[in-house]
Amino acid sequence: MKFSEAVKPISYLKTHASEVVRDVSENQKTLVITHNGEAKVILQDVKVYEKTQESIALLKILALSGREIKKGDHKTLNKSFDNVRKRINDFKRGQREVQS
């Protein structure tokens, strides 16, 4: 992102709102809006925002997983699959009992 193009004063946004929104949306841009010379808000295409939020969620999951592994609070892959198979078999047994 080129900050020379991505930073606009609020007065520019006020006078060119429709054009700015269209440009941000069509080109999936992100703009920094300033007020009194200070960065105050971000104007971002909703698709870019959603991708950013998904990336943050995945990073949080990775961080949590890393902490769990460091604490030793995890199962092996084989143990996890054994648990899933057991739950599937228990579910199937329960279905058979309901049908009988």
Protein backbone atom coordinates (compact mmCIF):
# COMPACT_ATOMS: atom_id res chain seq x y z
CA MET A 1 0.00 0.00 0.00
CA LYS A 2 1.37 3.39 -0.97
CA PHE A 3 0.72 5.76 1.91
CA SER A 4 0.98 8.75 -0.42
CA GLU A 5 -2.20 7.50 -2.10
CA ALA A 6 -3.80 5.80 0.91
CA VAL A 7 -3.95 8.75 3.33
CA LYS A 8 -6.70 11.29 2.82
CA PRO A 9 -8.02 14.09 5.03
CA ILE A 10 -11.61 13.91 6.21
CA SER A 11 -12.39 16.98 4.08
CA TYR A 12 -11.50 14.95 0.97
CA LEU A 13 -13.81 12.17 2.11
CA LYS A 14 -16.62 14.66 2.71
CA THR A 15 -16.38 16.16 -0.77
CA HIS A 16 -15.68 12.91 -2.66
CA ALA A 17 -17.54 10.30 -0.57
CA SER A 18 -19.25 8.51 -3.44
CA GLU A 19 -16.09 8.37 -5.53
CA VAL A 20 -13.97 7.20 -2.58
CA VAL A 21 -16.39 4.44 -1.64
CA ARG A 22 -16.60 3.23 -5.24
CA ASP A 23 -12.79 3.26 -5.60
CA VAL A 24 -12.21 1.46 -2.29
CA SER A 25 -14.83 -1.15 -3.16
CA GLU A 26 -13.88 -1.78 -6.80
CA ASN A 27 -10.13 -1.88 -6.19
CA GLN A 28 -10.27 -3.48 -2.73
CA LYS A 29 -8.30 -0.60 -1.28
CA THR A 30 -7.75 0.54 2.27
CA LEU A 31 -7.63 4.25 3.09
CA VAL A 32 -6.42 6.02 6.20
CA ILE A 33 -8.62 9.04 6.97
CA THR A 34 -7.02 11.86 8.93
CA HIS A 35 -8.62 14.51 11.10
CA ASN A 36 -6.59 17.53 12.18
CA GLY A 37 -3.49 15.89 10.72
CA GLU A 38 -3.82 12.67 12.75
CA ALA A 39 -4.84 9.26 11.47
CA LYS A 40 -8.29 8.56 12.90
CA VAL A 41 -10.08 5.85 10.93
CA ILE A 42 -9.58 3.22 8.27
CA LEU A 43 -11.91 2.93 5.29
CA GLN A 44 -11.65 -0.57 3.89
CA ASP A 45 -13.41 -2.76 1.36
CA VAL A 46 -15.59 -5.28 3.18
CA LYS A 47 -13.99 -8.26 1.39
CA VAL A 48 -10.53 -7.13 2.49
CA TYR A 49 -11.86 -6.68 6.03
CA GLU A 50 -13.36 -10.19 6.06
CA LYS A 51 -10.09 -11.72 4.81
CA THR A 52 -8.19 -9.83 7.50
CA GLN A 53 -10.57 -11.08 10.20
CA GLU A 54 -10.24 -14.67 8.96
CA SER A 55 -6.45 -14.37 9.01
CA ILE A 56 -6.52 -13.02 12.56
CA ALA A 57 -8.80 -15.88 13.66
CA LEU A 58 -6.42 -18.45 12.16
CA LEU A 59 -3.43 -16.79 13.83
CA LYS A 60 -5.24 -16.91 17.19
CA ILE A 61 -5.93 -20.62 16.70
CA LEU A 62 -2.27 -21.22 15.90
CA ALA A 63 -1.16 -19.26 18.95
CA LEU A 64 -3.53 -21.19 21.21
CA SER A 65 -2.39 -24.48 19.72
CA GLY A 66 1.23 -23.53 20.31
CA ARG A 67 0.50 -22.77 23.96
CA GLU A 68 -1.32 -26.08 24.43
CA ILE A 69 1.58 -28.00 22.90
CA LYS A 70 4.09 -26.21 25.15
CA LYS A 71 1.98 -27.10 28.20
CA GLY A 72 1.83 -30.71 27.02
CA ASP A 73 -1.96 -30.50 26.88
CA HIS A 74 -2.55 -32.30 23.60
CA LYS A 75 -3.31 -35.72 22.13
CA THR A 76 -1.47 -37.64 19.48
CA LEU A 77 -3.07 -37.86 16.07
CA ASN A 78 -3.73 -41.59 16.56
CA LYS A 79 -5.45 -40.97 19.90
CA SER A 80 -7.62 -38.26 18.33
CA PHE A 81 -8.71 -40.56 15.51
CA ASP A 82 -9.38 -43.38 17.99
CA ASN A 83 -11.65 -41.03 19.94
CA VAL A 84 -13.51 -40.00 16.77
CA ARG A 85 -13.98 -43.64 15.72
CA LYS A 86 -15.29 -44.50 19.19
CA ARG A 87 -17.80 -41.64 19.06
CA ILE A 88 -18.98 -42.73 15.60
CA ASN A 89 -19.41 -46.32 16.76
CA ASP A 90 -21.28 -45.19 19.90
CA PHE A 91 -23.54 -43.06 17.72
CA LYS A 92 -24.22 -45.97 15.33
CA ARG A 93 -25.01 -48.28 18.27
CA GLY A 94 -27.43 -45.70 19.63
CA GLN A 95 -29.15 -45.44 16.25
CA ARG A 96 -29.56 -49.21 16.07
CA GLU A 97 -31.08 -49.30 19.57
CA VAL A 98 -33.59 -46.59 18.64
CA GLN A 99 -34.65 -48.52 15.51
CA SER A 100 -35.14 -51.80 17.43
